PDB file of N, CA and C in Angstrom:
ATOM      1  N   MET A   1      47.868  -9.554  -4.023  1.00  0.00           N
ATOM      2  CA  MET A   1      47.111 -10.586  -4.730  1.00  0.00           C
ATOM      3  C   MET A   1      46.018  -9.901  -5.557  1.00  0.00           C
ATOM      4  N   PRO A   2      45.900 -10.238  -6.836  1.00  0.00           N
ATOM      5  CA  PRO A   2      44.881  -9.595  -7.677  1.00  0.00           C
ATOM      6  C   PRO A   2      43.479  -9.993  -7.247  1.00  0.00           C
ATOM      7  N   ARG A   3      42.590  -9.061  -7.403  1.00  0.00           N
ATOM      8  CA  ARG A   3      41.192  -9.290  -7.035  1.00  0.00           C
ATOM      9  C   ARG A   3      40.513 -10.154  -8.101  1.00  0.00           C
ATOM     10  N   MET A   4      39.784 -11.153  -7.649  1.00  0.00           N
ATOM     11  CA  MET A   4      39.092 -12.055  -8.569  1.00  0.00           C
ATOM     12  C   MET A   4      37.854 -11.351  -9.134  1.00  0.00           C
ATOM     13  N   PRO A   5      37.533 -11.608 -10.392  1.00  0.00           N
ATOM     14  CA  PRO A   5      36.324 -10.984 -10.961  1.00  0.00           C
ATOM     15  C   PRO A   5      35.073 -11.525 -10.264  1.00  0.00           C
ATOM     16  N   ASP A   6      34.102 -10.663 -10.113  1.00  0.00           N
ATOM     17  CA  ASP A   6      32.835 -11.058  -9.496  1.00  0.00           C
ATOM     18  C   ASP A   6      31.900 -11.515 -10.614  1.00  0.00           C
ATOM     19  N   HIS A   7      31.713 -12.804 -10.728  1.00  0.00           N
ATOM     20  CA  HIS A   7      30.896 -13.375 -11.806  1.00  0.00           C
ATOM     21  C   HIS A   7      29.416 -13.020 -11.664  1.00  0.00           C
ATOM     22  N   ARG A   8      29.027 -12.550 -10.500  1.00  0.00           N
ATOM     23  CA  ARG A   8      27.633 -12.169 -10.322  1.00  0.00           C
ATOM     24  C   ARG A   8      27.263 -10.975 -11.197  1.00  0.00           C
ATOM     25  N   ILE A   9      28.221 -10.114 -11.487  1.00  0.00           N
ATOM     26  CA  ILE A   9      27.946  -8.955 -12.337  1.00  0.00           C
ATOM     27  C   ILE A   9      27.482  -9.406 -13.712  1.00  0.00           C
ATOM     28  N   ALA A  10      28.204 -10.331 -14.317  1.00  0.00           N
ATOM     29  CA  ALA A  10      27.830 -10.831 -15.646  1.00  0.00           C
ATOM     30  C   ALA A  10      26.484 -11.550 -15.600  1.00  0.00           C
ATOM     31  N   ARG A  11      26.237 -12.298 -14.534  1.00  0.00           N
ATOM     32  CA  ARG A  11      24.942 -12.984 -14.399  1.00  0.00           C
ATOM     33  C   ARG A  11      23.795 -11.978 -14.340  1.00  0.00           C
ATOM     34  N   LEU A  12      23.961 -10.932 -13.533  1.00  0.00           N
ATOM     35  CA  LEU A  12      22.912  -9.921 -13.427  1.00  0.00           C
ATOM     36  C   LEU A  12      22.727  -9.177 -14.749  1.00  0.00           C
ATOM     37  N   GLU A  13      23.814  -8.854 -15.421  1.00  0.00           N
ATOM     38  CA  GLU A  13      23.699  -8.148 -16.695  1.00  0.00           C
ATOM     39  C   GLU A  13      22.949  -8.993 -17.729  1.00  0.00           C
ATOM     40  N   ARG A  14      23.272 -10.292 -17.811  1.00  0.00           N
ATOM     41  CA  ARG A  14      22.541 -11.184 -18.738  1.00  0.00           C
ATOM     42  C   ARG A  14      21.066 -11.254 -18.369  1.00  0.00           C
ATOM     43  N   PHE A  15      20.790 -11.349 -17.078  1.00  0.00           N
ATOM     44  CA  PHE A  15      19.416 -11.405 -16.585  1.00  0.00           C
ATOM     45  C   PHE A  15      18.647 -10.156 -16.999  1.00  0.00           C
ATOM     46  N   PHE A  16      19.193  -8.987 -16.739  1.00  0.00           N
ATOM     47  CA  PHE A  16      18.521  -7.741 -17.100  1.00  0.00           C
ATOM     48  C   PHE A  16      18.376  -7.595 -18.612  1.00  0.00           C
ATOM     49  N   GLN A  17      19.359  -8.057 -19.371  1.00  0.00           N
ATOM     50  CA  GLN A  17      19.267  -8.007 -20.834  1.00  0.00           C
ATOM     51  C   GLN A  17      18.149  -8.912 -21.340  1.00  0.00           C
ATOM     52  N   THR A  18      18.003 -10.072 -20.719  1.00  0.00           N
ATOM     53  CA  THR A  18      16.941 -11.006 -21.104  1.00  0.00           C
ATOM     54  C   THR A  18      15.571 -10.358 -20.981  1.00  0.00           C
ATOM     55  N   TYR A  19      15.388  -9.531 -19.965  1.00  0.00           N
ATOM     56  CA  TYR A  19      14.111  -8.859 -19.738  1.00  0.00           C
ATOM     57  C   TYR A  19      14.039  -7.476 -20.399  1.00  0.00           C
ATOM     58  N   HIS A  20      15.051  -7.148 -21.194  1.00  0.00           N
ATOM     59  CA  HIS A  20      15.093  -5.863 -21.912  1.00  0.00           C
ATOM     60  C   HIS A  20      14.951  -4.680 -20.955  1.00  0.00           C
ATOM     61  N   CYS A  21      15.649  -4.770 -19.828  1.00  0.00           N
ATOM     62  CA  CYS A  21      15.606  -3.706 -18.832  1.00  0.00           C
ATOM     63  C   CYS A  21      16.374  -2.482 -19.334  1.00  0.00           C
ATOM     64  N   PRO A  22      15.913  -1.315 -18.941  1.00  0.00           N
ATOM     65  CA  PRO A  22      16.652  -0.107 -19.319  1.00  0.00           C
ATOM     66  C   PRO A  22      17.994  -0.041 -18.588  1.00  0.00           C
ATOM     67  N   THR A  23      18.961   0.548 -19.241  1.00  0.00           N
ATOM     68  CA  THR A  23      20.254   0.752 -18.598  1.00  0.00           C
ATOM     69  C   THR A  23      20.241   2.113 -17.914  1.00  0.00           C
ATOM     70  N   PRO A  24      21.057   2.305 -16.920  1.00  0.00           N
ATOM     71  CA  PRO A  24      22.039   1.376 -16.356  1.00  0.00           C
ATOM     72  C   PRO A  24      21.351   0.307 -15.502  1.00  0.00           C
ATOM     73  N   TYR A  25      22.029  -0.821 -15.368  1.00  0.00           N
ATOM     74  CA  TYR A  25      21.463  -1.941 -14.619  1.00  0.00           C
ATOM     75  C   TYR A  25      21.695  -1.845 -13.109  1.00  0.00           C
ATOM     76  N   HIS A  26      22.619  -1.036 -12.681  1.00  0.00           N
ATOM     77  CA  HIS A  26      22.925  -0.842 -11.253  1.00  0.00           C
ATOM     78  C   HIS A  26      23.426  -2.124 -10.594  1.00  0.00           C
ATOM     79  N   THR A  27      24.132  -2.970 -11.356  1.00  0.00           N
ATOM     80  CA  THR A  27      24.586  -4.250 -10.808  1.00  0.00           C
ATOM     81  C   THR A  27      25.491  -4.068  -9.585  1.00  0.00           C
ATOM     82  N   SER A  28      26.396  -3.113  -9.630  1.00  0.00           N
ATOM     83  CA  SER A  28      27.277  -2.903  -8.466  1.00  0.00           C
ATOM     84  C   SER A  28      26.488  -2.459  -7.245  1.00  0.00           C
ATOM     85  N   ASP A  29      25.458  -1.651  -7.459  1.00  0.00           N
ATOM     86  CA  ASP A  29      24.626  -1.208  -6.336  1.00  0.00           C
ATOM     87  C   ASP A  29      23.847  -2.377  -5.736  1.00  0.00           C
ATOM     88  N   TYR A  30      23.311  -3.232  -6.599  1.00  0.00           N
ATOM     89  CA  TYR A  30      22.606  -4.416  -6.107  1.00  0.00           C
ATOM     90  C   TYR A  30      23.550  -5.315  -5.303  1.00  0.00           C
ATOM     91  N   LEU A  31      24.749  -5.531  -5.818  1.00  0.00           N
ATOM     92  CA  LEU A  31      25.694  -6.399  -5.120  1.00  0.00           C
ATOM     93  C   LEU A  31      26.166  -5.785  -3.811  1.00  0.00           C
ATOM     94  N   ARG A  32      26.448  -4.499  -3.811  1.00  0.00           N
ATOM     95  CA  ARG A  32      26.889  -3.819  -2.591  1.00  0.00           C
ATOM     96  C   ARG A  32      25.802  -3.913  -1.511  1.00  0.00           C
ATOM     97  N   ALA A  33      24.561  -3.671  -1.890  1.00  0.00           N
ATOM     98  CA  ALA A  33      23.467  -3.732  -0.918  1.00  0.00           C
ATOM     99  C   ALA A  33      23.257  -5.161  -0.411  1.00  0.00           C
ATOM    100  N   ALA A  34      23.254  -6.116  -1.320  1.00  0.00           N
ATOM    101  CA  ALA A  34      23.051  -7.517  -0.912  1.00  0.00           C
ATOM    102  C   ALA A  34      24.159  -7.971   0.030  1.00  0.00           C
ATOM    103  N   ASP A  35      25.402  -7.690  -0.339  1.00  0.00           N
ATOM    104  CA  ASP A  35      26.526  -8.102   0.503  1.00  0.00           C
ATOM    105  C   ASP A  35      26.519  -7.348   1.832  1.00  0.00           C
ATOM    106  N   GLY A  36      26.209  -6.077   1.788  1.00  0.00           N
ATOM    107  CA  GLY A  36      26.219  -5.260   2.996  1.00  0.00           C
ATOM    108  C   GLY A  36      25.148  -5.651   3.996  1.00  0.00           C
ATOM    109  N   TYR A  37      24.016  -6.125   3.501  1.00  0.00           N
ATOM    110  CA  TYR A  37      22.902  -6.475   4.390  1.00  0.00           C
ATOM    111  C   TYR A  37      22.692  -7.976   4.519  1.00  0.00           C
ATOM    112  N   GLY A  38      23.566  -8.763   3.900  1.00  0.00           N
ATOM    113  CA  GLY A  38      23.474 -10.212   4.041  1.00  0.00           C
ATOM    114  C   GLY A  38      22.284 -10.837   3.337  1.00  0.00           C
ATOM    115  N   LEU A  39      21.930 -10.285   2.182  1.00  0.00           N
ATOM    116  CA  LEU A  39      20.812 -10.819   1.398  1.00  0.00           C
ATOM    117  C   LEU A  39      21.323 -11.572   0.182  1.00  0.00           C
ATOM    118  N   ASP A  40      20.520 -12.451  -0.340  1.00  0.00           N
ATOM    119  CA  ASP A  40      20.820 -13.109  -1.604  1.00  0.00           C
ATOM    120  C   ASP A  40      20.868 -12.028  -2.690  1.00  0.00           C
ATOM    121  N   TYR A  41      21.936 -11.992  -3.463  1.00  0.00           N
ATOM    122  CA  TYR A  41      22.111 -10.922  -4.450  1.00  0.00           C
ATOM    123  C   TYR A  41      21.049 -10.940  -5.543  1.00  0.00           C
ATOM    124  N   ARG A  42      20.334 -12.021  -5.666  1.00  0.00           N
ATOM    125  CA  ARG A  42      19.305 -12.142  -6.704  1.00  0.00           C
ATOM    126  C   ARG A  42      17.953 -11.580  -6.271  1.00  0.00           C
ATOM    127  N   LEU A  43      17.790 -11.330  -4.969  1.00  0.00           N
ATOM    128  CA  LEU A  43      16.478 -10.962  -4.441  1.00  0.00           C
ATOM    129  C   LEU A  43      15.937  -9.647  -5.009  1.00  0.00           C
ATOM    130  N   LEU A  44      16.646  -8.560  -4.864  1.00  0.00           N
ATOM    131  CA  LEU A  44      16.122  -7.276  -5.343  1.00  0.00           C
ATOM    132  C   LEU A  44      15.965  -7.226  -6.862  1.00  0.00           C
ATOM    133  N   PRO A  45      16.928  -7.753  -7.642  1.00  0.00           N
ATOM    134  CA  PRO A  45      16.684  -7.791  -9.088  1.00  0.00           C
ATOM    135  C   PRO A  45      15.416  -8.579  -9.448  1.00  0.00           C
ATOM    136  N   ALA A  46      15.184  -9.688  -8.765  1.00  0.00           N
ATOM    137  CA  ALA A  46      13.977 -10.475  -9.038  1.00  0.00           C
ATOM    138  C   ALA A  46      12.721  -9.702  -8.641  1.00  0.00           C
ATOM    139  N   LEU A  47      12.768  -9.009  -7.515  1.00  0.00           N
ATOM    140  CA  LEU A  47      11.623  -8.182  -7.115  1.00  0.00           C
ATOM    141  C   LEU A  47      11.345  -7.106  -8.167  1.00  0.00           C
ATOM    142  N   SER A  48      12.414  -6.531  -8.737  1.00  0.00           N
ATOM    143  CA  SER A  48      12.209  -5.478  -9.734  1.00  0.00           C
ATOM    144  C   SER A  48      11.530  -6.025 -10.990  1.00  0.00           C
ATOM    145  N   ILE A  49      11.828  -7.259 -11.346  1.00  0.00           N
ATOM    146  CA  ILE A  49      11.171  -7.876 -12.504  1.00  0.00           C
ATOM    147  C   ILE A  49       9.721  -8.183 -12.162  1.00  0.00           C
ATOM    148  N   ARG A  50       9.493  -8.801 -11.027  1.00  0.00           N
ATOM    149  CA  ARG A  50       8.143  -9.212 -10.627  1.00  0.00           C
ATOM    150  C   ARG A  50       7.213  -8.021 -10.423  1.00  0.00           C
ATOM    151  N   GLU A  51       7.730  -6.960  -9.841  1.00  0.00           N
ATOM    152  CA  GLU A  51       6.882  -5.834  -9.480  1.00  0.00           C
ATOM    153  C   GLU A  51       6.671  -4.823 -10.602  1.00  0.00           C
ATOM    154  N   THR A  52       7.727  -4.503 -11.358  1.00  0.00           N
ATOM    155  CA  THR A  52       7.612  -3.403 -12.331  1.00  0.00           C
ATOM    156  C   THR A  52       8.296  -3.683 -13.660  1.00  0.00           C
ATOM    157  N   LEU A  53       8.616  -4.945 -13.945  1.00  0.00           N
ATOM    158  CA  LEU A  53       9.388  -5.279 -15.142  1.00  0.00           C
ATOM    159  C   LEU A  53      10.642  -4.410 -15.210  1.00  0.00           C
ATOM    160  N   CYS A  54      11.391  -4.411 -14.125  1.00  0.00           N
ATOM    161  CA  CYS A  54      12.639  -3.669 -13.924  1.00  0.00           C
ATOM    162  C   CYS A  54      12.473  -2.173 -14.122  1.00  0.00           C
ATOM    163  N   GLY A  55      11.374  -1.683 -13.636  1.00  0.00           N
ATOM    164  CA  GLY A  55      11.134  -0.248 -13.661  1.00  0.00           C
ATOM    165  C   GLY A  55      10.324   0.242 -14.835  1.00  0.00           C
ATOM    166  N   ARG A  56      10.127  -0.587 -15.845  1.00  0.00           N
ATOM    167  CA  ARG A  56       9.394  -0.142 -17.038  1.00  0.00           C
ATOM    168  C   ARG A  56       7.931   0.138 -16.732  1.00  0.00           C
ATOM    169  N   ALA A  57       7.331  -0.605 -15.817  1.00  0.00           N
ATOM    170  CA  ALA A  57       5.912  -0.411 -15.489  1.00  0.00           C
ATOM    171  C   ALA A  57       5.734   0.469 -14.257  1.00  0.00           C
ATOM    172  N   GLU A  58       6.814   1.026 -13.779  1.00  0.00           N
ATOM    173  CA  GLU A  58       6.755   1.824 -12.562  1.00  0.00           C
ATOM    174  C   GLU A  58       6.056   3.155 -12.826  1.00  0.00           C
ATOM    175  N   ARG A  59       5.200   3.503 -11.911  1.00  0.00           N
ATOM    176  CA  ARG A  59       4.506   4.776 -11.996  1.00  0.00           C
ATOM    177  C   ARG A  59       5.053   5.770 -10.970  1.00  0.00           C
ATOM    178  N   GLN A  60       6.030   5.323 -10.228  1.00  0.00           N
ATOM    179  CA  GLN A  60       6.612   6.157  -9.181  1.00  0.00           C
ATOM    180  C   GLN A  60       8.092   6.370  -9.487  1.00  0.00           C
ATOM    181  N   GLN A  61       8.627   7.382  -8.936  1.00  0.00           N
ATOM    182  CA  GLN A  61      10.015   7.712  -9.187  1.00  0.00           C
ATOM    183  C   GLN A  61      10.966   6.771  -8.452  1.00  0.00           C
ATOM    184  N   HIS A  62      11.793   6.070  -9.218  1.00  0.00           N
ATOM    185  CA  HIS A  62      12.885   5.236  -8.689  1.00  0.00           C
ATOM    186  C   HIS A  62      12.406   4.166  -7.705  1.00  0.00           C
ATOM    187  N   ASN A  63      11.263   3.557  -7.956  1.00  0.00           N
ATOM    188  CA  ASN A  63      10.760   2.493  -7.081  1.00  0.00           C
ATOM    189  C   ASN A  63      10.449   1.266  -7.935  1.00  0.00           C
ATOM    190  N   ALA A  64      11.492   0.640  -8.442  1.00  0.00           N
ATOM    191  CA  ALA A  64      11.333  -0.526  -9.313  1.00  0.00           C
ATOM    192  C   ALA A  64      10.903  -1.779  -8.567  1.00  0.00           C
ATOM    193  N   TRP A  65      10.851  -1.745  -7.237  1.00  0.00           N
ATOM    194  CA  TRP A  65      10.577  -2.938  -6.432  1.00  0.00           C
ATOM    195  C   TRP A  65       9.163  -2.955  -5.892  1.00  0.00           C
ATOM    196  N   GLY A  66       8.340  -2.018  -6.288  1.00  0.00           N
ATOM    197  CA  GLY A  66       6.955  -1.983  -5.845  1.00  0.00           C
ATOM    198  C   GLY A  66       6.809  -1.825  -4.351  1.00  0.00           C
ATOM    199  N   PHE A  67       7.750  -1.124  -3.726  1.00  0.00           N
ATOM    200  CA  PHE A  67       7.718  -0.956  -2.276  1.00  0.00           C
ATOM    201  C   PHE A  67       6.693   0.110  -1.926  1.00  0.00           C
ATOM    202  N   HIS A  68       5.657  -0.277  -1.200  1.00  0.00           N
ATOM    203  CA  HIS A  68       4.537   0.604  -0.847  1.00  0.00           C
ATOM    204  C   HIS A  68       4.051   1.384  -2.065  1.00  0.00           C
ATOM    205  N   PRO A  69       3.544   0.659  -3.062  1.00  0.00           N
ATOM    206  CA  PRO A  69       3.136   1.307  -4.312  1.00  0.00           C
ATOM    207  C   PRO A  69       2.166   2.461  -4.069  1.00  0.00           C
ATOM    208  N   GLY A  70       2.404   3.538  -4.794  1.00  0.00           N
ATOM    209  CA  GLY A  70       1.562   4.712  -4.678  1.00  0.00           C
ATOM    210  C   GLY A  70       1.941   5.642  -3.541  1.00  0.00           C
ATOM    211  N   HIS A  71       2.861   5.193  -2.679  1.00  0.00           N
ATOM    212  CA  HIS A  71       3.222   5.992  -1.510  1.00  0.00           C
ATOM    213  C   HIS A  71       4.721   6.241  -1.377  1.00  0.00           C
ATOM    214  N   GLN A  72       5.546   5.403  -1.987  1.00  0.00           N
ATOM    215  CA  GLN A  72       6.984   5.484  -1.767  1.00  0.00           C
ATOM    216  C   GLN A  72       7.702   5.874  -3.052  1.00  0.00           C
ATOM    217  N   THR A  73       8.533   6.894  -2.963  1.00  0.00           N
ATOM    218  CA  THR A  73       9.443   7.250  -4.045  1.00  0.00           C
ATOM    219  C   THR A  73      10.838   7.379  -3.443  1.00  0.00           C
ATOM    220  N   PHE A  74      11.838   7.343  -4.301  1.00  0.00           N
ATOM    221  CA  PHE A  74      13.220   7.487  -3.864  1.00  0.00           C
ATOM    222  C   PHE A  74      13.892   8.542  -4.728  1.00  0.00           C
ATOM    223  N   PRO A  75      14.850   9.285  -4.168  1.00  0.00           N
ATOM    224  CA  PRO A  75      15.528  10.312  -4.955  1.00  0.00           C
ATOM    225  C   PRO A  75      16.384   9.740  -6.092  1.00  0.00           C
ATOM    226  N   SER A  76      16.796   8.470  -5.956  1.00  0.00           N
ATOM    227  CA  SER A  76      17.591   7.819  -7.007  1.00  0.00           C
ATOM    228  C   SER A  76      17.387   6.312  -6.902  1.00  0.00           C
ATOM    229  N   THR A  77      17.714   5.617  -7.959  1.00  0.00           N
ATOM    230  CA  THR A  77      17.634   4.147  -7.943  1.00  0.00           C
ATOM    231  C   THR A  77      18.598   3.589  -6.913  1.00  0.00           C
ATOM    232  N   GLU A  78      19.796   4.164  -6.820  1.00  0.00           N
ATOM    233  CA  GLU A  78      20.790   3.677  -5.862  1.00  0.00           C
ATOM    234  C   GLU A  78      20.272   3.775  -4.427  1.00  0.00           C
ATOM    235  N   ILE A  79      19.630   4.877  -4.106  1.00  0.00           N
ATOM    236  CA  ILE A  79      19.064   5.040  -2.758  1.00  0.00           C
ATOM    237  C   ILE A  79      17.923   4.053  -2.546  1.00  0.00           C
ATOM    238  N   GLY A  80      17.116   3.830  -3.574  1.00  0.00           N
ATOM    239  CA  GLY A  80      16.032   2.853  -3.475  1.00  0.00           C
ATOM    240  C   GLY A  80      16.544   1.446  -3.233  1.00  0.00           C
ATOM    241  N   ILE A  81      17.593   1.061  -3.943  1.00  0.00           N
ATOM    242  CA  ILE A  81      18.182  -0.270  -3.750  1.00  0.00           C
ATOM    243  C   ILE A  81      18.630  -0.433  -2.305  1.00  0.00           C
ATOM    244  N   ASP A  82      19.365   0.551  -1.794  1.00  0.00           N
ATOM    245  CA  ASP A  82      19.860   0.455  -0.427  1.00  0.00           C
ATOM    246  C   ASP A  82      18.710   0.443   0.578  1.00  0.00           C
ATOM    247  N   PHE A  83      17.715   1.281   0.369  1.00  0.00           N
ATOM    248  CA  PHE A  83      16.585   1.348   1.299  1.00  0.00           C
ATOM    249  C   PHE A  83      15.829   0.021   1.366  1.00  0.00           C
ATOM    250  N   VAL A  84      15.478  -0.533   0.214  1.00  0.00           N
ATOM    251  CA  VAL A  84      14.701  -1.779   0.193  1.00  0.00           C
ATOM    252  C   VAL A  84      15.539  -2.929   0.766  1.00  0.00           C
ATOM    253  N   ALA A  85      16.824  -2.989   0.431  1.00  0.00           N
ATOM    254  CA  ALA A  85      17.688  -4.037   0.980  1.00  0.00           C
ATOM    255  C   ALA A  85      17.779  -3.918   2.501  1.00  0.00           C
ATOM    256  N   GLN A  86      17.989  -2.692   2.984  1.00  0.00           N
ATOM    257  CA  GLN A  86      18.070  -2.477   4.427  1.00  0.00           C
ATOM    258  C   GLN A  86      16.778  -2.885   5.109  1.00  0.00           C
ATOM    259  N   ARG A  87      15.665  -2.525   4.505  1.00  0.00           N
ATOM    260  CA  ARG A  87      14.351  -2.852   5.077  1.00  0.00           C
ATOM    261  C   ARG A  87      14.174  -4.372   5.155  1.00  0.00           C
ATOM    262  N   LEU A  88      14.476  -5.080   4.069  1.00  0.00           N
ATOM    263  CA  LEU A  88      14.300  -6.537   4.039  1.00  0.00           C
ATOM    264  C   LEU A  88      15.231  -7.258   5.012  1.00  0.00           C
ATOM    265  N   ALA A  89      16.357  -6.647   5.306  1.00  0.00           N
ATOM    266  CA  ALA A  89      17.323  -7.281   6.209  1.00  0.00           C
ATOM    267  C   ALA A  89      17.123  -6.902   7.673  1.00  0.00           C
ATOM    268  N   GLN A  90      16.742  -5.652   7.931  1.00  0.00           N
ATOM    269  CA  GLN A  90      16.816  -5.166   9.303  1.00  0.00           C
ATOM    270  C   GLN A  90      15.511  -4.695   9.934  1.00  0.00           C
ATOM    271  N   HIS A  91      14.509  -4.421   9.157  1.00  0.00           N
ATOM    272  CA  HIS A  91      13.258  -3.931   9.730  1.00  0.00           C
ATOM    273  C   HIS A  91      12.573  -5.040  10.520  1.00  0.00           C
ATOM    274  N   ARG A  92      11.889  -4.664  11.570  1.00  0.00           N
ATOM    275  CA  ARG A  92      11.254  -5.658  12.460  1.00  0.00           C
ATOM    276  C   ARG A  92      10.267  -6.569  11.731  1.00  0.00           C
ATOM    277  N   LEU A  93       9.659  -6.096  10.658  1.00  0.00           N
ATOM    278  CA  LEU A  93       8.719  -6.944   9.915  1.00  0.00           C
ATOM    279  C   LEU A  93       9.417  -8.058   9.136  1.00  0.00           C
ATOM    280  N   TYR A  94      10.712  -7.909   8.860  1.00  0.00           N
ATOM    281  CA  TYR A  94      11.433  -8.856   8.012  1.00  0.00           C
ATOM    282  C   TYR A  94      12.599  -9.558   8.706  1.00  0.00           C
ATOM    283  N   LYS A  95      13.220  -8.890   9.664  1.00  0.00           N
ATOM    284  CA  LYS A  95      14.445  -9.392  10.287  1.00  0.00           C
ATOM    285  C   LYS A  95      14.237 -10.782  10.885  1.00  0.00           C
ATOM    286  N   GLY A  96      15.185 -11.669  10.585  1.00  0.00           N
ATOM    287  CA  GLY A  96      15.157 -13.017  11.146  1.00  0.00           C
ATOM    288  C   GLY A  96      14.227 -13.981  10.446  1.00  0.00           C
ATOM    289  N   LYS A  97      13.534 -13.542   9.418  1.00  0.00           N
ATOM    290  CA  LYS A  97      12.599 -14.419   8.711  1.00  0.00           C
ATOM    291  C   LYS A  97      13.302 -15.152   7.576  1.00  0.00           C
ATOM    292  N   THR A  98      12.742 -16.295   7.216  1.00  0.00           N
ATOM    293  CA  THR A  98      13.212 -17.021   6.037  1.00  0.00           C
ATOM    294  C   THR A  98      12.880 -16.207   4.787  1.00  0.00           C
ATOM    295  N   LEU A  99      13.467 -16.586   3.680  1.00  0.00           N
ATOM    296  CA  LEU A  99      13.179 -15.905   2.422  1.00  0.00           C
ATOM    297  C   LEU A  99      11.687 -15.979   2.106  1.00  0.00           C
ATOM    298  N   ASP A 100      11.087 -17.151   2.252  1.00  0.00           N
ATOM    299  CA  ASP A 100       9.650 -17.288   1.983  1.00  0.00           C
ATOM    300  C   ASP A 100       8.827 -16.357   2.865  1.00  0.00           C
ATOM    301  N   ALA A 101       9.176 -16.285   4.141  1.00  0.00           N
ATOM    302  CA  ALA A 101       8.430 -15.429   5.067  1.00  0.00           C
ATOM    303  C   ALA A 101       8.638 -13.952   4.745  1.00  0.00           C
ATOM    304  N   LYS A 102       9.853 -13.571   4.363  1.00  0.00           N
ATOM    305  CA  LYS A 102      10.101 -12.177   3.951  1.00  0.00           C
ATOM    306  C   LYS A 102       9.246 -11.840   2.731  1.00  0.00           C
ATOM    307  N   LEU A 103       9.233 -12.729   1.760  1.00  0.00           N
ATOM    308  CA  LEU A 103       8.486 -12.463   0.531  1.00  0.00           C
ATOM    309  C   LEU A 103       6.986 -12.411   0.792  1.00  0.00           C
ATOM    310  N   PHE A 104       6.489 -13.271   1.657  1.00  0.00           N
ATOM    311  CA  PHE A 104       5.062 -13.248   1.974  1.00  0.00           C
ATOM    312  C   PHE A 104       4.698 -11.968   2.732  1.00  0.00           C
ATOM    313  N   THR A 105       5.604 -11.487   3.580  1.00  0.00           N
ATOM    314  CA  THR A 105       5.375 -10.225   4.268  1.00  0.00           C
ATOM    315  C   THR A 105       5.379  -9.075   3.259  1.00  0.00           C
ATOM    316  N   TYR A 106       6.266  -9.147   2.297  1.00  0.00           N
ATOM    317  CA  TYR A 106       6.384  -8.118   1.263  1.00  0.00           C
ATOM    318  C   TYR A 106       5.112  -8.036   0.420  1.00  0.00           C
ATOM    319  N   ASN A 107       4.568  -9.204   0.084  1.00  0.00           N
ATOM    320  CA  ASN A 107       3.329  -9.276  -0.701  1.00  0.00           C
ATOM    321  C   ASN A 107       2.575 -10.525  -0.244  1.00  0.00           C
ATOM    322  N   PRO A 108       1.532 -10.367   0.578  1.00  0.00           N
ATOM    323  CA  PRO A 108       0.876 -11.518   1.199  1.00  0.00           C
ATOM    324  C   PRO A 108      -0.081 -12.283   0.284  1.00  0.00           C
ATOM    325  N   ARG A 109       0.397 -12.626  -0.877  1.00  0.00           N
ATOM    326  CA  ARG A 109      -0.329 -13.540  -1.762  1.00  0.00           C
ATOM    327  C   ARG A 109       0.364 -14.887  -1.671  1.00  0.00           C
ATOM    328  N   SER A 110      -0.379 -15.944  -1.573  1.00  0.00           N
ATOM    329  CA  SER A 110       0.234 -17.259  -1.346  1.00  0.00           C
ATOM    330  C   SER A 110       1.218 -17.654  -2.453  1.00  0.00           C
ATOM    331  N   ALA A 111       0.977 -17.236  -3.687  1.00  0.00           N
ATOM    332  CA  ALA A 111       1.858 -17.612  -4.796  1.00  0.00           C
ATOM    333  C   ALA A 111       3.103 -16.730  -4.891  1.00  0.00           C
ATOM    334  N   TYR A 112       3.111 -15.605  -4.209  1.00  0.00           N
ATOM    335  CA  TYR A 112       4.172 -14.611  -4.395  1.00  0.00           C
ATOM    336  C   TYR A 112       5.581 -15.137  -4.102  1.00  0.00           C
ATOM    337  N   PRO A 113       5.831 -15.795  -2.970  1.00  0.00           N
ATOM    338  CA  PRO A 113       7.199 -16.275  -2.723  1.00  0.00           C
ATOM    339  C   PRO A 113       7.731 -17.160  -3.848  1.00  0.00           C
ATOM    340  N   ASN A 114       6.919 -18.076  -4.337  1.00  0.00           N
ATOM    341  CA  ASN A 114       7.388 -18.949  -5.418  1.00  0.00           C
ATOM    342  C   ASN A 114       7.589 -18.198  -6.721  1.00  0.00           C
ATOM    343  N   GLU A 115       6.770 -17.194  -6.974  1.00  0.00           N
ATOM    344  CA  GLU A 115       6.948 -16.384  -8.180  1.00  0.00           C
ATOM    345  C   GLU A 115       8.308 -15.698  -8.158  1.00  0.00           C
ATOM    346  N   VAL A 116       8.643 -15.076  -7.037  1.00  0.00           N
ATOM    347  CA  VAL A 116       9.917 -14.360  -6.931  1.00  0.00           C
ATOM    348  C   VAL A 116      11.081 -15.339  -6.958  1.00  0.00           C
ATOM    349  N   LYS A 117      10.968 -16.461  -6.267  1.00  0.00           N
ATOM    350  CA  LYS A 117      12.051 -17.442  -6.256  1.00  0.00           C
ATOM    351  C   LYS A 117      12.277 -18.041  -7.646  1.00  0.00           C
ATOM    352  N   ARG A 118      11.232 -18.197  -8.419  1.00  0.00           N
ATOM    353  CA  ARG A 118      11.392 -18.694  -9.789  1.00  0.00           C
ATOM    354  C   ARG A 118      12.202 -17.693 -10.602  1.00  0.00           C
ATOM    355  N   ILE A 119      11.913 -16.423 -10.443  1.00  0.00           N
ATOM    356  CA  ILE A 119      12.672 -15.394 -11.149  1.00  0.00           C
ATOM    357  C   ILE A 119      14.116 -15.364 -10.660  1.00  0.00           C
ATOM    358  N   MET A 120      14.320 -15.485  -9.359  1.00  0.00           N
ATOM    359  CA  MET A 120      15.682 -15.534  -8.814  1.00  0.00           C
ATOM    360  C   MET A 120      16.476 -16.661  -9.448  1.00  0.00           C
ATOM    361  N   GLY A 121      15.823 -17.804  -9.659  1.00  0.00           N
ATOM    362  CA  GLY A 121      16.494 -18.958 -10.246  1.00  0.00           C
ATOM    363  C   GLY A 121      16.959 -18.720 -11.676  1.00  0.00           C
ATOM    364  N   GLN A 122      16.381 -17.753 -12.345  1.00  0.00           N
ATOM    365  CA  GLN A 122      16.774 -17.442 -13.728  1.00  0.00           C
ATOM    366  C   GLN A 122      18.126 -16.723 -13.779  1.00  0.00           C
ATOM    367  N   ILE A 123      18.590 -16.224 -12.669  1.00  0.00           N
ATOM    368  CA  ILE A 123      19.852 -15.472 -12.647  1.00  0.00           C
ATOM    369  C   ILE A 123      21.055 -16.393 -12.689  1.00  0.00           C
ATOM    370  N   GLU A 124      20.965 -17.556 -12.142  1.00  0.00           N
ATOM    371  CA  GLU A 124      22.115 -18.480 -12.111  1.00  0.00           C
ATOM    372  C   GLU A 124      22.377 -19.119 -13.442  1.00  0.00           C
TER     373      GLU A 124
END
């Protein structure tokens, strides 16, 4: 049976193009991490927009998600995607929490969860 196309790839590519993100977009890496860790596939791309305008405002190497700003770097974007996804899914600070609670833990500003969710909504 032929494999069905994953429409999420086109959605993510349009989303990143809308924000004039640098290529490559790493859409397959985002999808692999989201599916592998049971996260909404829109979460990390939205975090990258909210935190660093998809890496354009990043001052650290390969940390487009603002994870521990000033302290965390990754050897590659692919490793960063997997690390942040794994952390949001499995680390004791995040595991078992709702999306709102994960986002508030990630950045404890009251407006932050809604800011990220609004960006996530732009992907659909």
